[in-house]
Amino acid sequence: MNGMPIRTWISRSAGDTEALGERIAGVASRGQVIGLSGDLGAGKTALIRGLARGLGFTGRIHSPTFSLINLYEGGRLPLFHLDLYRLDGPAAIHEAGLEDYLIHPGGISAVEWIGRWTPPPSHQSHWSIHLTPLDDTTREITHDIPGL
């Protein structure tokens, strides 16, 4: 995480995880990169669903595993939903043309599998969220987002 105090939140359902995403939308601003980590099925896409809803997007949200990026517009800010799962690291991210979404997004970038990217030392707008499944429905969510 980026040096901010770590906070822990317990989600008891996908709805709880989405509600946290909505709260994050309330404190996020243009240029924010929100990096998500956690195993497959940990709830990363559920959190992004809530983030999109909190920004005012009303359409369907799905993981961009094969397309690498989905754009959601029509809300307070555009949301760029990236999934780096299939990329091998910074060189592959560069080759895919995704760096601008990770360094200077024109809205908010929510990035699944953020561990495959190394932000430059000067990058100040990177929040980290880690989701850990505790059982079938419960998640421990740690984050460094100020104000939450």
C-alpha atoms as a PDB file:
ATOM      1  CA  MET A   1       0.000   0.000   0.000  1.00  0.00           C
ATOM      2  CA  ASN A   2       1.191   3.556  -0.559  1.00  0.00           C
ATOM      3  CA  GLY A   3       2.202   4.743   2.905  1.00  0.00           C
ATOM      4  CA  MET A   4      -1.284   5.806   4.015  1.00  0.00           C
ATOM      5  CA  PRO A   5      -2.746   4.128   7.104  1.00  0.00           C
ATOM      6  CA  ILE A   6      -4.210   0.707   6.351  1.00  0.00           C
ATOM      7  CA  ARG A   7      -7.872   0.243   7.180  1.00  0.00           C
ATOM      8  CA  THR A   8      -9.780  -3.039   7.291  1.00  0.00           C
ATOM      9  CA  TRP A   9     -13.408  -3.523   6.360  1.00  0.00           C
ATOM     10  CA  ILE A  10     -15.389  -6.774   6.584  1.00  0.00           C
ATOM     11  CA  SER A  11     -17.870  -7.461   3.802  1.00  0.00           C
ATOM     12  CA  ARG A  12     -20.532 -10.073   4.537  1.00  0.00           C
ATOM     13  CA  SER A  13     -21.944 -10.170   0.982  1.00  0.00           C
ATOM     14  CA  ALA A  14     -21.425  -8.991  -2.580  1.00  0.00           C
ATOM     15  CA  GLY A  15     -23.874  -6.191  -1.732  1.00  0.00           C
ATOM     16  CA  ASP A  16     -21.622  -5.044   1.121  1.00  0.00           C
ATOM     17  CA  THR A  17     -18.632  -5.051  -1.234  1.00  0.00           C
ATOM     18  CA  GLU A  18     -20.582  -3.007  -3.785  1.00  0.00           C
ATOM     19  CA  ALA A  19     -21.589  -0.551  -1.032  1.00  0.00           C
ATOM     20  CA  LEU A  20     -17.905   0.020  -0.228  1.00  0.00           C
ATOM     21  CA  GLY A  21     -17.322   0.710  -3.936  1.00  0.00           C
ATOM     22  CA  GLU A  22     -20.076   3.339  -3.817  1.00  0.00           C
ATOM     23  CA  ARG A  23     -18.413   4.996  -0.826  1.00  0.00           C
ATOM     24  CA  ILE A  24     -15.083   5.034  -2.661  1.00  0.00           C
ATOM     25  CA  ALA A  25     -16.766   6.801  -5.604  1.00  0.00           C
ATOM     26  CA  GLY A  26     -17.737   9.580  -3.203  1.00  0.00           C
ATOM     27  CA  VAL A  27     -14.116  10.403  -2.330  1.00  0.00           C
ATOM     28  CA  ALA A  28     -12.443   9.643  -5.688  1.00  0.00           C
ATOM     29  CA  SER A  29     -11.588  12.380  -8.160  1.00  0.00           C
ATOM     30  CA  ARG A  30     -10.368  12.707 -11.734  1.00  0.00           C
ATOM     31  CA  GLY A  31      -6.942  11.129 -12.223  1.00  0.00           C
ATOM     32  CA  GLN A  32      -7.380   8.573  -9.433  1.00  0.00           C
ATOM     33  CA  VAL A  33      -6.001   5.073  -9.953  1.00  0.00           C
ATOM     34  CA  ILE A  34      -7.517   2.419  -7.695  1.00  0.00           C
ATOM     35  CA  GLY A  35      -5.487  -0.780  -7.683  1.00  0.00           C
ATOM     36  CA  LEU A  36      -7.232  -3.986  -6.646  1.00  0.00           C
ATOM     37  CA  SER A  37      -5.595  -7.244  -5.672  1.00  0.00           C
ATOM     38  CA  GLY A  38      -6.914 -10.571  -4.473  1.00  0.00           C
ATOM     39  CA  ASP A  39      -7.417 -14.088  -5.744  1.00  0.00           C
ATOM     40  CA  LEU A  40      -9.888 -15.050  -8.453  1.00  0.00           C
ATOM     41  CA  GLY A  41     -13.389 -14.708  -7.034  1.00  0.00           C
ATOM     42  CA  ALA A  42     -12.325 -12.386  -4.201  1.00  0.00           C
ATOM     43  CA  GLY A  43     -14.828  -9.675  -5.164  1.00  0.00           C
ATOM     44  CA  LYS A  44     -12.777  -7.215  -7.217  1.00  0.00           C
ATOM     45  CA  THR A  45     -15.436  -6.858  -9.917  1.00  0.00           C
ATOM     46  CA  ALA A  46     -18.201  -6.507  -7.288  1.00  0.00           C
ATOM     47  CA  LEU A  47     -16.319  -3.598  -5.746  1.00  0.00           C
ATOM     48  CA  ILE A  48     -15.940  -1.983  -9.175  1.00  0.00           C
ATOM     49  CA  ARG A  49     -19.676  -2.509  -9.815  1.00  0.00           C
ATOM     50  CA  GLY A  50     -20.345  -0.413  -6.712  1.00  0.00           C
ATOM     51  CA  LEU A  51     -17.762   2.170  -7.756  1.00  0.00           C
ATOM     52  CA  ALA A  52     -19.482   2.564 -11.140  1.00  0.00           C
ATOM     53  CA  ARG A  53     -22.902   2.846  -9.488  1.00  0.00           C
ATOM     54  CA  GLY A  54     -21.520   5.445  -7.064  1.00  0.00           C
ATOM     55  CA  LEU A  55     -20.284   7.472 -10.040  1.00  0.00           C
ATOM     56  CA  GLY A  56     -23.772   7.336 -11.576  1.00  0.00           C
ATOM     57  CA  PHE A  57     -23.280   4.639 -14.213  1.00  0.00           C
ATOM     58  CA  THR A  58     -26.398   2.493 -14.562  1.00  0.00           C
ATOM     59  CA  GLY A  59     -25.373  -0.112 -17.155  1.00  0.00           C
ATOM     60  CA  ARG A  60     -23.924  -3.595 -16.811  1.00  0.00           C
ATOM     61  CA  ILE A  61     -20.435  -4.034 -15.325  1.00  0.00           C
ATOM     62  CA  HIS A  62     -18.308  -7.045 -16.215  1.00  0.00           C
ATOM     63  CA  SER A  63     -14.639  -7.906 -15.923  1.00  0.00           C
ATOM     64  CA  PRO A  64     -12.532  -6.987 -18.971  1.00  0.00           C
ATOM     65  CA  THR A  65     -10.305 -10.079 -18.673  1.00  0.00           C
ATOM     66  CA  PHE A  66     -10.180 -10.634 -22.430  1.00  0.00           C
ATOM     67  CA  SER A  67     -10.627  -7.057 -23.668  1.00  0.00           C
ATOM     68  CA  LEU A  68      -8.194  -5.659 -21.016  1.00  0.00           C
ATOM     69  CA  ILE A  69     -10.242  -2.460 -20.557  1.00  0.00           C
ATOM     70  CA  ASN A  70     -13.903  -1.447 -20.343  1.00  0.00           C
ATOM     71  CA  LEU A  71     -15.021   2.173 -20.366  1.00  0.00           C
ATOM     72  CA  TYR A  72     -18.114   3.209 -18.413  1.00  0.00           C
ATOM     73  CA  GLU A  73     -19.444   6.690 -19.156  1.00  0.00           C
ATOM     74  CA  GLY A  74     -22.552   8.645 -18.274  1.00  0.00           C
ATOM     75  CA  GLY A  75     -21.739   9.296 -14.634  1.00  0.00           C
ATOM     76  CA  ARG A  76     -19.936  12.027 -12.706  1.00  0.00           C
ATOM     77  CA  LEU A  77     -16.615  10.883 -14.215  1.00  0.00           C
ATOM     78  CA  PRO A  78     -15.640   8.244 -16.760  1.00  0.00           C
ATOM     79  CA  LEU A  79     -14.549   4.951 -15.219  1.00  0.00           C
ATOM     80  CA  PHE A  80     -11.814   2.920 -16.884  1.00  0.00           C
ATOM     81  CA  HIS A  81     -11.963  -0.705 -15.690  1.00  0.00           C
ATOM     82  CA  LEU A  82      -8.730  -2.531 -16.461  1.00  0.00           C
ATOM     83  CA  ASP A  83      -7.843  -6.164 -15.892  1.00  0.00           C
ATOM     84  CA  LEU A  84      -4.117  -6.945 -16.039  1.00  0.00           C
ATOM     85  CA  TYR A  85      -4.496 -10.676 -15.307  1.00  0.00           C
ATOM     86  CA  ARG A  86      -3.359 -11.816 -18.753  1.00  0.00           C
ATOM     87  CA  LEU A  87      -0.395  -9.414 -18.944  1.00  0.00           C
ATOM     88  CA  ASP A  88       3.090 -10.466 -17.828  1.00  0.00           C
ATOM     89  CA  GLY A  89       4.272  -7.167 -16.403  1.00  0.00           C
ATOM     90  CA  PRO A  90       5.186  -3.558 -17.212  1.00  0.00           C
ATOM     91  CA  ALA A  91       6.499  -4.312 -20.734  1.00  0.00           C
ATOM     92  CA  ALA A  92       3.270  -6.094 -21.719  1.00  0.00           C
ATOM     93  CA  ILE A  93       1.210  -3.266 -20.195  1.00  0.00           C
ATOM     94  CA  HIS A  94       3.197  -0.751 -22.250  1.00  0.00           C
ATOM     95  CA  GLU A  95       2.776  -2.827 -25.428  1.00  0.00           C
ATOM     96  CA  ALA A  96      -0.991  -3.002 -24.814  1.00  0.00           C
ATOM     97  CA  GLY A  97      -1.132   0.818 -24.627  1.00  0.00           C
ATOM     98  CA  LEU A  98      -2.543   0.911 -21.092  1.00  0.00           C
ATOM     99  CA  GLU A  99       0.017   3.144 -19.332  1.00  0.00           C
ATOM    100  CA  ASP A 100      -1.963   6.364 -19.773  1.00  0.00           C
ATOM    101  CA  TYR A 101      -4.887   4.796 -17.901  1.00  0.00           C
ATOM    102  CA  LEU A 102      -2.492   3.920 -15.072  1.00  0.00           C
ATOM    103  CA  ILE A 103      -0.633   7.230 -14.844  1.00  0.00           C
ATOM    104  CA  HIS A 104      -2.915  10.044 -16.117  1.00  0.00           C
ATOM    105  CA  PRO A 105      -6.456   8.757 -16.572  1.00  0.00           C
ATOM    106  CA  GLY A 106      -9.036  11.251 -17.807  1.00  0.00           C
ATOM    107  CA  GLY A 107     -11.395   9.908 -15.173  1.00  0.00           C
ATOM    108  CA  ILE A 108     -10.954   7.145 -12.580  1.00  0.00           C
ATOM    109  CA  SER A 109      -9.075   3.933 -13.360  1.00  0.00           C
ATOM    110  CA  ALA A 110      -9.986   0.821 -11.391  1.00  0.00           C
ATOM    111  CA  VAL A 111      -7.366  -1.844 -12.039  1.00  0.00           C
ATOM    112  CA  GLU A 112      -7.773  -5.537 -11.255  1.00  0.00           C
ATOM    113  CA  TRP A 113      -4.502  -7.441 -10.734  1.00  0.00           C
ATOM    114  CA  ILE A 114      -2.609  -4.187 -10.075  1.00  0.00           C
ATOM    115  CA  GLY A 115       0.418  -6.185  -8.862  1.00  0.00           C
ATOM    116  CA  ARG A 116       1.419  -6.730 -12.490  1.00  0.00           C
ATOM    117  CA  TRP A 117       2.233  -2.997 -12.794  1.00  0.00           C
ATOM    118  CA  THR A 118       4.872  -0.960 -10.979  1.00  0.00           C
ATOM    119  CA  PRO A 119       3.850   2.692 -10.593  1.00  0.00           C
ATOM    120  CA  PRO A 120       6.539   5.341 -11.038  1.00  0.00           C
ATOM    121  CA  PRO A 121       7.813   6.749  -7.710  1.00  0.00           C
ATOM    122  CA  SER A 122       6.219  10.123  -8.427  1.00  0.00           C
ATOM    123  CA  HIS A 123       2.735   8.650  -8.905  1.00  0.00           C
ATOM    124  CA  GLN A 124       0.641  10.124  -6.076  1.00  0.00           C
ATOM    125  CA  SER A 125      -2.899   9.141  -7.065  1.00  0.00           C
ATOM    126  CA  HIS A 126      -2.737   5.399  -6.482  1.00  0.00           C
ATOM    127  CA  TRP A 127      -4.965   3.817  -3.849  1.00  0.00           C
ATOM    128  CA  SER A 128      -4.632   0.141  -3.004  1.00  0.00           C
ATOM    129  CA  ILE A 129      -7.362  -2.326  -2.079  1.00  0.00           C
ATOM    130  CA  HIS A 130      -6.790  -5.982  -1.242  1.00  0.00           C
ATOM    131  CA  LEU A 131      -9.679  -8.447  -0.957  1.00  0.00           C
ATOM    132  CA  THR A 132      -9.285 -11.702   0.961  1.00  0.00           C
ATOM    133  CA  PRO A 133     -12.080 -14.303   0.990  1.00  0.00           C
ATOM    134  CA  LEU A 134     -12.747 -15.578   4.527  1.00  0.00           C
ATOM    135  CA  ASP A 135     -15.547 -17.933   3.454  1.00  0.00           C
ATOM    136  CA  ASP A 136     -18.082 -18.206   0.609  1.00  0.00           C
ATOM    137  CA  THR A 137     -19.597 -14.760   1.275  1.00  0.00           C
ATOM    138  CA  THR A 138     -17.325 -12.923   3.723  1.00  0.00           C
ATOM    139  CA  ARG A 139     -14.378 -10.799   2.575  1.00  0.00           C
ATOM    140  CA  GLU A 140     -11.708  -8.935   4.483  1.00  0.00           C
ATOM    141  CA  ILE A 141     -10.963  -5.773   2.534  1.00  0.00           C
ATOM    142  CA  THR A 142      -7.883  -3.748   3.397  1.00  0.00           C
ATOM    143  CA  HIS A 143      -7.294  -0.353   1.820  1.00  0.00           C
ATOM    144  CA  ASP A 144      -5.338   2.888   2.149  1.00  0.00           C
ATOM    145  CA  ILE A 145      -8.048   5.286   0.974  1.00  0.00           C
ATOM    146  CA  PRO A 146      -8.136   8.507   2.993  1.00  0.00           C
ATOM    147  CA  GLY A 147     -11.542   9.407   4.367  1.00  0.00           C
ATOM    148  CA  LEU A 148     -12.959   5.879   4.489  1.00  0.00           C
END
